[in-house]
Amino acid sequence: ALFTLTSPSWAQGNAPQGMVTGTVAYR
């Protein structure tokens, strides 16, 4: 049996959203 990674279910429709914020940087 294969363990398969699939796309998140919410990507295909509208759903309540959580939010992660932050910054991306390099030196």
mmCIF file of all heavy atoms, coordinates in Angstrom:
data_MODEL
# 
_entry.id   MODEL 
# 
loop_
_atom_site.group_PDB 
_atom_site.id 
_atom_site.type_symbol 
_atom_site.label_atom_id 
_atom_site.label_alt_id 
_atom_site.label_comp_id 
_atom_site.label_asym_id 
_atom_site.label_entity_id 
_atom_site.label_seq_id 
_atom_site.pdbx_PDB_ins_code 
_atom_site.Cartn_x 
_atom_site.Cartn_y 
_atom_site.Cartn_z 
_atom_site.occupancy 
_atom_site.B_iso_or_equiv 
_atom_site.pdbx_formal_charge 
_atom_site.auth_seq_id 
_atom_site.auth_comp_id 
_atom_site.auth_asym_id 
_atom_site.auth_atom_id 
_atom_site.pdbx_PDB_model_num 
ATOM 1   N N   . ALA A 1 1  ? 0.836   -1.199 0.000  1.00 0.00 ? 1  ALA A N   1 
ATOM 2   C CA  . ALA A 1 1  ? 0.000   0.000  0.000  1.00 0.00 ? 1  ALA A CA  1 
ATOM 3   C C   . ALA A 1 1  ? 0.869   1.247  0.000  1.00 0.00 ? 1  ALA A C   1 
ATOM 4   O O   . ALA A 1 1  ? 1.882   1.315  0.673  1.00 0.00 ? 1  ALA A O   1 
ATOM 5   C CB  . ALA A 1 1  ? -0.912  -0.003 1.227  1.00 0.00 ? 1  ALA A CB  1 
ATOM 6   N N   . LEU A 1 2  ? 0.470   2.237  -0.770 1.00 0.00 ? 2  LEU A N   1 
ATOM 7   C CA  . LEU A 1 2  ? 1.207   3.494  -0.847 1.00 0.00 ? 2  LEU A CA  1 
ATOM 8   C C   . LEU A 1 2  ? 0.653   4.487  0.145  1.00 0.00 ? 2  LEU A C   1 
ATOM 9   O O   . LEU A 1 2  ? -0.555  4.608  0.326  1.00 0.00 ? 2  LEU A O   1 
ATOM 10  C CB  . LEU A 1 2  ? 1.096   4.098  -2.257 1.00 0.00 ? 2  LEU A CB  1 
ATOM 11  C CG  . LEU A 1 2  ? 1.925   3.437  -3.345 1.00 0.00 ? 2  LEU A CG  1 
ATOM 12  C CD1 . LEU A 1 2  ? 1.582   4.098  -4.669 1.00 0.00 ? 2  LEU A CD1 1 
ATOM 13  C CD2 . LEU A 1 2  ? 3.406   3.564  -3.063 1.00 0.00 ? 2  LEU A CD2 1 
ATOM 14  N N   . PHE A 1 3  ? 1.593   5.211  0.784  1.00 0.00 ? 3  PHE A N   1 
ATOM 15  C CA  . PHE A 1 3  ? 1.198   6.390  1.545  1.00 0.00 ? 3  PHE A CA  1 
ATOM 16  C C   . PHE A 1 3  ? 1.392   7.574  0.625  1.00 0.00 ? 3  PHE A C   1 
ATOM 17  O O   . PHE A 1 3  ? 2.502   7.864  0.206  1.00 0.00 ? 3  PHE A O   1 
ATOM 18  C CB  . PHE A 1 3  ? 2.071   6.530  2.802  1.00 0.00 ? 3  PHE A CB  1 
ATOM 19  C CG  . PHE A 1 3  ? 1.895   7.853  3.480  1.00 0.00 ? 3  PHE A CG  1 
ATOM 20  C CD1 . PHE A 1 3  ? 0.844   8.063  4.352  1.00 0.00 ? 3  PHE A CD1 1 
ATOM 21  C CD2 . PHE A 1 3  ? 2.778   8.889  3.218  1.00 0.00 ? 3  PHE A CD2 1 
ATOM 22  C CE1 . PHE A 1 3  ? 0.691   9.285  4.962  1.00 0.00 ? 3  PHE A CE1 1 
ATOM 23  C CE2 . PHE A 1 3  ? 2.631   10.112 3.835  1.00 0.00 ? 3  PHE A CE2 1 
ATOM 24  C CZ  . PHE A 1 3  ? 1.583   10.310 4.706  1.00 0.00 ? 3  PHE A CZ  1 
ATOM 25  N N   . THR A 1 4  ? 0.309   8.245  0.252  1.00 0.00 ? 4  THR A N   1 
ATOM 26  C CA  . THR A 1 4  ? 0.368   9.284  -0.767 1.00 0.00 ? 4  THR A CA  1 
ATOM 27  C C   . THR A 1 4  ? 0.003   10.627 -0.176 1.00 0.00 ? 4  THR A C   1 
ATOM 28  O O   . THR A 1 4  ? -0.974  10.746 0.552  1.00 0.00 ? 4  THR A O   1 
ATOM 29  C CB  . THR A 1 4  ? -0.588  8.965  -1.926 1.00 0.00 ? 4  THR A CB  1 
ATOM 30  O OG1 . THR A 1 4  ? -0.259  7.676  -2.442 1.00 0.00 ? 4  THR A OG1 1 
ATOM 31  C CG2 . THR A 1 4  ? -0.457  9.995  -3.032 1.00 0.00 ? 4  THR A CG2 1 
ATOM 32  N N   . LEU A 1 5  ? 0.811   11.635 -0.516 1.00 0.00 ? 5  LEU A N   1 
ATOM 33  C CA  . LEU A 1 5  ? 0.512   12.985 -0.084 1.00 0.00 ? 5  LEU A CA  1 
ATOM 34  C C   . LEU A 1 5  ? -0.441  13.613 -1.082 1.00 0.00 ? 5  LEU A C   1 
ATOM 35  O O   . LEU A 1 5  ? -0.230  13.530 -2.285 1.00 0.00 ? 5  LEU A O   1 
ATOM 36  C CB  . LEU A 1 5  ? 1.794   13.811 -0.002 1.00 0.00 ? 5  LEU A CB  1 
ATOM 37  C CG  . LEU A 1 5  ? 2.823   13.309 1.014  1.00 0.00 ? 5  LEU A CG  1 
ATOM 38  C CD1 . LEU A 1 5  ? 4.015   14.226 0.986  1.00 0.00 ? 5  LEU A CD1 1 
ATOM 39  C CD2 . LEU A 1 5  ? 2.227   13.267 2.406  1.00 0.00 ? 5  LEU A CD2 1 
ATOM 40  N N   . THR A 1 6  ? -1.489  14.262 -0.605 1.00 0.00 ? 6  THR A N   1 
ATOM 41  C CA  . THR A 1 6  ? -2.465  14.892 -1.472 1.00 0.00 ? 6  THR A CA  1 
ATOM 42  C C   . THR A 1 6  ? -2.550  16.368 -1.172 1.00 0.00 ? 6  THR A C   1 
ATOM 43  O O   . THR A 1 6  ? -2.088  16.834 -0.145 1.00 0.00 ? 6  THR A O   1 
ATOM 44  C CB  . THR A 1 6  ? -3.857  14.266 -1.275 1.00 0.00 ? 6  THR A CB  1 
ATOM 45  O OG1 . THR A 1 6  ? -4.237  14.404 0.087  1.00 0.00 ? 6  THR A OG1 1 
ATOM 46  C CG2 . THR A 1 6  ? -3.847  12.798 -1.670 1.00 0.00 ? 6  THR A CG2 1 
ATOM 47  N N   . SER A 1 7  ? -3.149  17.124 -2.062 1.00 0.00 ? 7  SER A N   1 
ATOM 48  C CA  . SER A 1 7  ? -3.311  18.553 -1.880 1.00 0.00 ? 7  SER A CA  1 
ATOM 49  C C   . SER A 1 7  ? -4.289  18.806 -0.754 1.00 0.00 ? 7  SER A C   1 
ATOM 50  O O   . SER A 1 7  ? -5.209  18.027 -0.513 1.00 0.00 ? 7  SER A O   1 
ATOM 51  C CB  . SER A 1 7  ? -3.835  19.208 -3.164 1.00 0.00 ? 7  SER A CB  1 
ATOM 52  O OG  . SER A 1 7  ? -2.941  18.997 -4.218 1.00 0.00 ? 7  SER A OG  1 
ATOM 53  N N   . PRO A 1 8  ? -4.118  19.906 -0.012 1.00 0.00 ? 8  PRO A N   1 
ATOM 54  C CA  . PRO A 1 8  ? -5.049  20.212 1.072  1.00 0.00 ? 8  PRO A CA  1 
ATOM 55  C C   . PRO A 1 8  ? -6.471  20.320 0.556  1.00 0.00 ? 8  PRO A C   1 
ATOM 56  O O   . PRO A 1 8  ? -6.727  20.883 -0.505 1.00 0.00 ? 8  PRO A O   1 
ATOM 57  C CB  . PRO A 1 8  ? -4.538  21.569 1.572  1.00 0.00 ? 8  PRO A CB  1 
ATOM 58  C CG  . PRO A 1 8  ? -3.119  21.636 1.130  1.00 0.00 ? 8  PRO A CG  1 
ATOM 59  C CD  . PRO A 1 8  ? -3.049  20.879 -0.158 1.00 0.00 ? 8  PRO A CD  1 
ATOM 60  N N   . SER A 1 9  ? -7.426  19.789 1.345  1.00 0.00 ? 9  SER A N   1 
ATOM 61  C CA  . SER A 1 9  ? -8.808  19.767 0.906  1.00 0.00 ? 9  SER A CA  1 
ATOM 62  C C   . SER A 1 9  ? -9.372  21.164 0.735  1.00 0.00 ? 9  SER A C   1 
ATOM 63  O O   . SER A 1 9  ? -10.215 21.398 -0.126 1.00 0.00 ? 9  SER A O   1 
ATOM 64  C CB  . SER A 1 9  ? -9.661  18.992 1.920  1.00 0.00 ? 9  SER A CB  1 
ATOM 65  O OG  . SER A 1 9  ? -9.568  19.599 3.204  1.00 0.00 ? 9  SER A OG  1 
ATOM 66  N N   . TRP A 1 10 ? -8.877  22.134 1.537  1.00 0.00 ? 10 TRP A N   1 
ATOM 67  C CA  . TRP A 1 10 ? -9.453  23.469 1.472  1.00 0.00 ? 10 TRP A CA  1 
ATOM 68  C C   . TRP A 1 10 ? -9.097  24.208 0.200  1.00 0.00 ? 10 TRP A C   1 
ATOM 69  O O   . TRP A 1 10 ? -9.719  25.220 -0.132 1.00 0.00 ? 10 TRP A O   1 
ATOM 70  C CB  . TRP A 1 10 ? -9.019  24.294 2.677  1.00 0.00 ? 10 TRP A CB  1 
ATOM 71  C CG  . TRP A 1 10 ? -7.548  24.494 2.767  1.00 0.00 ? 10 TRP A CG  1 
ATOM 72  C CD1 . TRP A 1 10 ? -6.647  23.723 3.422  1.00 0.00 ? 10 TRP A CD1 1 
ATOM 73  C CD2 . TRP A 1 10 ? -6.778  25.550 2.179  1.00 0.00 ? 10 TRP A CD2 1 
ATOM 74  N NE1 . TRP A 1 10 ? -5.386  24.220 3.276  1.00 0.00 ? 10 TRP A NE1 1 
ATOM 75  C CE2 . TRP A 1 10 ? -5.431  25.330 2.525  1.00 0.00 ? 10 TRP A CE2 1 
ATOM 76  C CE3 . TRP A 1 10 ? -7.097  26.647 1.388  1.00 0.00 ? 10 TRP A CE3 1 
ATOM 77  C CZ2 . TRP A 1 10 ? -4.423  26.184 2.114  1.00 0.00 ? 10 TRP A CZ2 1 
ATOM 78  C CZ3 . TRP A 1 10 ? -6.080  27.483 0.978  1.00 0.00 ? 10 TRP A CZ3 1 
ATOM 79  C CH2 . TRP A 1 10 ? -4.765  27.248 1.348  1.00 0.00 ? 10 TRP A CH2 1 
ATOM 80  N N   . ALA A 1 11 ? -8.074  23.701 -0.535 1.00 0.00 ? 11 ALA A N   1 
ATOM 81  C CA  . ALA A 1 11 ? -7.627  24.408 -1.735 1.00 0.00 ? 11 ALA A CA  1 
ATOM 82  C C   . ALA A 1 11 ? -8.684  24.387 -2.827 1.00 0.00 ? 11 ALA A C   1 
ATOM 83  O O   . ALA A 1 11 ? -8.617  25.151 -3.773 1.00 0.00 ? 11 ALA A O   1 
ATOM 84  C CB  . ALA A 1 11 ? -6.338  23.793 -2.263 1.00 0.00 ? 11 ALA A CB  1 
ATOM 85  N N   . GLN A 1 12 ? -9.681  23.478 -2.709 1.00 0.00 ? 12 GLN A N   1 
ATOM 86  C CA  . GLN A 1 12 ? -10.653 23.326 -3.775 1.00 0.00 ? 12 GLN A CA  1 
ATOM 87  C C   . GLN A 1 12 ? -11.965 24.058 -3.493 1.00 0.00 ? 12 GLN A C   1 
ATOM 88  O O   . GLN A 1 12 ? -12.914 23.970 -4.236 1.00 0.00 ? 12 GLN A O   1 
ATOM 89  C CB  . GLN A 1 12 ? -10.928 21.834 -3.996 1.00 0.00 ? 12 GLN A CB  1 
ATOM 90  C CG  . GLN A 1 12 ? -9.675  21.080 -4.404 1.00 0.00 ? 12 GLN A CG  1 
ATOM 91  C CD  . GLN A 1 12 ? -9.934  19.612 -4.610 1.00 0.00 ? 12 GLN A CD  1 
ATOM 92  O OE1 . GLN A 1 12 ? -11.061 19.149 -4.480 1.00 0.00 ? 12 GLN A OE1 1 
ATOM 93  N NE2 . GLN A 1 12 ? -8.917  18.874 -4.952 1.00 0.00 ? 12 GLN A NE2 1 
ATOM 94  N N   . GLY A 1 13 ? -12.055 24.773 -2.411 1.00 0.00 ? 13 GLY A N   1 
ATOM 95  C CA  . GLY A 1 13 ? -13.304 25.448 -2.123 1.00 0.00 ? 13 GLY A CA  1 
ATOM 96  C C   . GLY A 1 13 ? -13.146 26.487 -1.043 1.00 0.00 ? 13 GLY A C   1 
ATOM 97  O O   . GLY A 1 13 ? -12.088 26.619 -0.448 1.00 0.00 ? 13 GLY A O   1 
ATOM 98  N N   . ASN A 1 14 ? -14.203 27.225 -0.781 1.00 0.00 ? 14 ASN A N   1 
ATOM 99  C CA  . ASN A 1 14 ? -14.174 28.241 0.249  1.00 0.00 ? 14 ASN A CA  1 
ATOM 100 C C   . ASN A 1 14 ? -14.269 27.587 1.623  1.00 0.00 ? 14 ASN A C   1 
ATOM 101 O O   . ASN A 1 14 ? -15.013 26.639 1.833  1.00 0.00 ? 14 ASN A O   1 
ATOM 102 C CB  . ASN A 1 14 ? -15.321 29.231 0.055  1.00 0.00 ? 14 ASN A CB  1 
ATOM 103 C CG  . ASN A 1 14 ? -15.176 30.003 -1.248 1.00 0.00 ? 14 ASN A CG  1 
ATOM 104 O OD1 . ASN A 1 14 ? -14.064 30.320 -1.654 1.00 0.00 ? 14 ASN A OD1 1 
ATOM 105 N ND2 . ASN A 1 14 ? -16.304 30.310 -1.888 1.00 0.00 ? 14 ASN A ND2 1 
ATOM 106 N N   . ALA A 1 15 ? -13.523 28.126 2.599  1.00 0.00 ? 15 ALA A N   1 
ATOM 107 C CA  . ALA A 1 15 ? -13.538 27.573 3.946  1.00 0.00 ? 15 ALA A CA  1 
ATOM 108 C C   . ALA A 1 15 ? -13.054 28.647 4.896  1.00 0.00 ? 15 ALA A C   1 
ATOM 109 O O   . ALA A 1 15 ? -12.371 29.584 4.497  1.00 0.00 ? 15 ALA A O   1 
ATOM 110 C CB  . ALA A 1 15 ? -12.632 26.336 4.032  1.00 0.00 ? 15 ALA A CB  1 
ATOM 111 N N   . PRO A 1 16 ? -13.415 28.548 6.186  1.00 0.00 ? 16 PRO A N   1 
ATOM 112 C CA  . PRO A 1 16 ? -12.880 29.489 7.168  1.00 0.00 ? 16 PRO A CA  1 
ATOM 113 C C   . PRO A 1 16 ? -11.355 29.429 7.154  1.00 0.00 ? 16 PRO A C   1 
ATOM 114 O O   . PRO A 1 16 ? -10.765 28.377 6.917  1.00 0.00 ? 16 PRO A O   1 
ATOM 115 C CB  . PRO A 1 16 ? -13.463 28.969 8.492  1.00 0.00 ? 16 PRO A CB  1 
ATOM 116 C CG  . PRO A 1 16 ? -14.645 28.159 8.097  1.00 0.00 ? 16 PRO A CG  1 
ATOM 117 C CD  . PRO A 1 16 ? -14.319 27.558 6.766  1.00 0.00 ? 16 PRO A CD  1 
ATOM 118 N N   . GLN A 1 17 ? -10.725 30.562 7.421  1.00 0.00 ? 17 GLN A N   1 
ATOM 119 C CA  . GLN A 1 17 ? -9.281  30.621 7.302  1.00 0.00 ? 17 GLN A CA  1 
ATOM 120 C C   . GLN A 1 17 ? -8.614  30.966 8.620  1.00 0.00 ? 17 GLN A C   1 
ATOM 121 O O   . GLN A 1 17 ? -9.083  31.822 9.370  1.00 0.00 ? 17 GLN A O   1 
ATOM 122 C CB  . GLN A 1 17 ? -8.868  31.651 6.247  1.00 0.00 ? 17 GLN A CB  1 
ATOM 123 C CG  . GLN A 1 17 ? -9.208  31.249 4.828  1.00 0.00 ? 17 GLN A CG  1 
ATOM 124 C CD  . GLN A 1 17 ? -8.653  32.227 3.817  1.00 0.00 ? 17 GLN A CD  1 
ATOM 125 O OE1 . GLN A 1 17 ? -8.366  33.368 4.131  1.00 0.00 ? 17 GLN A OE1 1 
ATOM 126 N NE2 . GLN A 1 17 ? -8.492  31.774 2.591  1.00 0.00 ? 17 GLN A NE2 1 
ATOM 127 N N   . GLY A 1 18 ? -7.501  30.267 8.890  1.00 0.00 ? 18 GLY A N   1 
ATOM 128 C CA  . GLY A 1 18 ? -6.577  30.681 9.922  1.00 0.00 ? 18 GLY A CA  1 
ATOM 129 C C   . GLY A 1 18 ? -5.456  31.448 9.249  1.00 0.00 ? 18 GLY A C   1 
ATOM 130 O O   . GLY A 1 18 ? -5.363  31.480 8.022  1.00 0.00 ? 18 GLY A O   1 
ATOM 131 N N   . MET A 1 19 ? -4.580  32.028 10.034 1.00 0.00 ? 19 MET A N   1 
ATOM 132 C CA  . MET A 1 19 ? -3.537  32.856 9.442  1.00 0.00 ? 19 MET A CA  1 
ATOM 133 C C   . MET A 1 19 ? -2.227  32.711 10.213 1.00 0.00 ? 19 MET A C   1 
ATOM 134 O O   . MET A 1 19 ? -2.213  32.734 11.446 1.00 0.00 ? 19 MET A O   1 
ATOM 135 C CB  . MET A 1 19 ? -3.957  34.323 9.448  1.00 0.00 ? 19 MET A CB  1 
ATOM 136 C CG  . MET A 1 19 ? -2.974  35.264 8.770  1.00 0.00 ? 19 MET A CG  1 
ATOM 137 S SD  . MET A 1 19 ? -3.085  35.172 6.970  1.00 0.00 ? 19 MET A SD  1 
ATOM 138 C CE  . MET A 1 19 ? -4.676  35.988 6.716  1.00 0.00 ? 19 MET A CE  1 
ATOM 139 N N   . VAL A 1 20 ? -1.127  32.513 9.466  1.00 0.00 ? 20 VAL A N   1 
ATOM 140 C CA  . VAL A 1 20 ? 0.223   32.560 10.013 1.00 0.00 ? 20 VAL A CA  1 
ATOM 141 C C   . VAL A 1 20 ? 0.921   33.744 9.358  1.00 0.00 ? 20 VAL A C   1 
ATOM 142 O O   . VAL A 1 20 ? 0.825   33.924 8.137  1.00 0.00 ? 20 VAL A O   1 
ATOM 143 C CB  . VAL A 1 20 ? 1.002   31.264 9.729  1.00 0.00 ? 20 VAL A CB  1 
ATOM 144 C CG1 . VAL A 1 20 ? 2.426   31.378 10.250 1.00 0.00 ? 20 VAL A CG1 1 
ATOM 145 C CG2 . VAL A 1 20 ? 0.315   30.072 10.370 1.00 0.00 ? 20 VAL A CG2 1 
ATOM 146 N N   . THR A 1 21 ? 1.596   34.547 10.132 1.00 0.00 ? 21 THR A N   1 
ATOM 147 C CA  . THR A 1 21 ? 2.275   35.728 9.600  1.00 0.00 ? 21 THR A CA  1 
ATOM 148 C C   . THR A 1 21 ? 3.748   35.702 9.984  1.00 0.00 ? 21 THR A C   1 
ATOM 149 O O   . THR A 1 21 ? 4.180   34.907 10.818 1.00 0.00 ? 21 THR A O   1 
ATOM 150 C CB  . THR A 1 21 ? 1.641   37.019 10.137 1.00 0.00 ? 21 THR A CB  1 
ATOM 151 O OG1 . THR A 1 21 ? 1.788   37.048 11.569 1.00 0.00 ? 21 THR A OG1 1 
ATOM 152 C CG2 . THR A 1 21 ? 0.168   37.090 9.784  1.00 0.00 ? 21 THR A CG2 1 
ATOM 153 N N   . GLY A 1 22 ? 4.500   36.600 9.380  1.00 0.00 ? 22 GLY A N   1 
ATOM 154 C CA  . GLY A 1 22 ? 5.917   36.692 9.716  1.00 0.00 ? 22 GLY A CA  1 
ATOM 155 C C   . GLY A 1 22 ? 6.688   37.419 8.639  1.00 0.00 ? 22 GLY A C   1 
ATOM 156 O O   . GLY A 1 22 ? 6.116   38.148 7.817  1.00 0.00 ? 22 GLY A O   1 
ATOM 157 N N   . THR A 1 23 ? 7.998   37.194 8.620  1.00 0.00 ? 23 THR A N   1 
ATOM 158 C CA  . THR A 1 23 ? 8.869   37.805 7.625  1.00 0.00 ? 23 THR A CA  1 
ATOM 159 C C   . THR A 1 23 ? 9.841   36.770 7.083  1.00 0.00 ? 23 THR A C   1 
ATOM 160 O O   . THR A 1 23 ? 10.126  35.759 7.732  1.00 0.00 ? 23 THR A O   1 
ATOM 161 C CB  . THR A 1 23 ? 9.682   38.981 8.211  1.00 0.00 ? 23 THR A CB  1 
ATOM 162 O OG1 . THR A 1 23 ? 10.503  38.487 9.290  1.00 0.00 ? 23 THR A OG1 1 
ATOM 163 C CG2 . THR A 1 23 ? 8.767   40.079 8.719  1.00 0.00 ? 23 THR A CG2 1 
ATOM 164 N N   . VAL A 1 24 ? 10.319  37.034 5.881  1.00 0.00 ? 24 VAL A N   1 
ATOM 165 C CA  . VAL A 1 24 ? 11.362  36.229 5.252  1.00 0.00 ? 24 VAL A CA  1 
ATOM 166 C C   . VAL A 1 24 ? 12.565  37.141 5.028  1.00 0.00 ? 24 VAL A C   1 
ATOM 167 O O   . VAL A 1 24 ? 12.410  38.241 4.471  1.00 0.00 ? 24 VAL A O   1 
ATOM 168 C CB  . VAL A 1 24 ? 10.886  35.646 3.909  1.00 0.00 ? 24 VAL A CB  1 
ATOM 169 C CG1 . VAL A 1 24 ? 12.032  34.969 3.171  1.00 0.00 ? 24 VAL A CG1 1 
ATOM 170 C CG2 . VAL A 1 24 ? 9.750   34.658 4.143  1.00 0.00 ? 24 VAL A CG2 1 
ATOM 171 N N   . ALA A 1 25 ? 13.746  36.707 5.465  1.00 0.00 ? 25 ALA A N   1 
ATOM 172 C CA  . ALA A 1 25 ? 14.928  37.569 5.358  1.00 0.00 ? 25 ALA A CA  1 
ATOM 173 C C   . ALA A 1 25 ? 16.185  36.733 5.195  1.00 0.00 ? 25 ALA A C   1 
ATOM 174 O O   . ALA A 1 25 ? 16.174  35.514 5.402  1.00 0.00 ? 25 ALA A O   1 
ATOM 175 C CB  . ALA A 1 25 ? 15.048  38.461 6.592  1.00 0.00 ? 25 ALA A CB  1 
ATOM 176 N N   . TYR A 1 26 ? 17.264  37.368 4.788  1.00 0.00 ? 26 TYR A N   1 
ATOM 177 C CA  . TYR A 1 26 ? 18.594  36.757 4.750  1.00 0.00 ? 26 TYR A CA  1 
ATOM 178 C C   . TYR A 1 26 ? 19.599  37.828 5.132  1.00 0.00 ? 26 TYR A C   1 
ATOM 179 O O   . TYR A 1 26 ? 19.298  39.035 5.116  1.00 0.00 ? 26 TYR A O   1 
ATOM 180 C CB  . TYR A 1 26 ? 18.905  36.164 3.374  1.00 0.00 ? 26 TYR A CB  1 
ATOM 181 C CG  . TYR A 1 26 ? 18.661  37.107 2.226  1.00 0.00 ? 26 TYR A CG  1 
ATOM 182 C CD1 . TYR A 1 26 ? 19.572  38.115 1.901  1.00 0.00 ? 26 TYR A CD1 1 
ATOM 183 C CD2 . TYR A 1 26 ? 17.507  36.980 1.438  1.00 0.00 ? 26 TYR A CD2 1 
ATOM 184 C CE1 . TYR A 1 26 ? 19.340  38.972 0.834  1.00 0.00 ? 26 TYR A CE1 1 
ATOM 185 C CE2 . TYR A 1 26 ? 17.274  37.840 0.378  1.00 0.00 ? 26 TYR A CE2 1 
ATOM 186 C CZ  . TYR A 1 26 ? 18.194  38.833 0.086  1.00 0.00 ? 26 TYR A CZ  1 
ATOM 187 O OH  . TYR A 1 26 ? 17.971  39.686 -0.958 1.00 0.00 ? 26 TYR A OH  1 
ATOM 188 N N   . ARG A 1 27 ? 20.817  37.405 5.502  1.00 0.00 ? 27 ARG A N   1 
ATOM 189 C CA  . ARG A 1 27 ? 21.818  38.338 6.020  1.00 0.00 ? 27 ARG A CA  1 
ATOM 190 C C   . ARG A 1 27 ? 22.734  38.904 4.936  1.00 0.00 ? 27 ARG A C   1 
ATOM 191 O O   . ARG A 1 27 ? 23.420  39.894 5.161  1.00 0.00 ? 27 ARG A O   1 
ATOM 192 C CB  . ARG A 1 27 ? 22.656  37.651 7.095  1.00 0.00 ? 27 ARG A CB  1 
ATOM 193 C CG  . ARG A 1 27 ? 21.839  37.229 8.322  1.00 0.00 ? 27 ARG A CG  1 
ATOM 194 C CD  . ARG A 1 27 ? 22.731  36.704 9.429  1.00 0.00 ? 27 ARG A CD  1 
ATOM 195 N NE  . ARG A 1 27 ? 21.975  36.405 10.632 1.00 0.00 ? 27 ARG A NE  1 
ATOM 196 C CZ  . ARG A 1 27 ? 21.475  35.218 10.931 1.00 0.00 ? 27 ARG A CZ  1 
ATOM 197 N NH1 . ARG A 1 27 ? 21.657  34.206 10.088 1.00 0.00 ? 27 ARG A NH1 1 
ATOM 198 N NH2 . ARG A 1 27 ? 20.802  35.022 12.049 1.00 0.00 ? 27 ARG A NH2 1 
# 
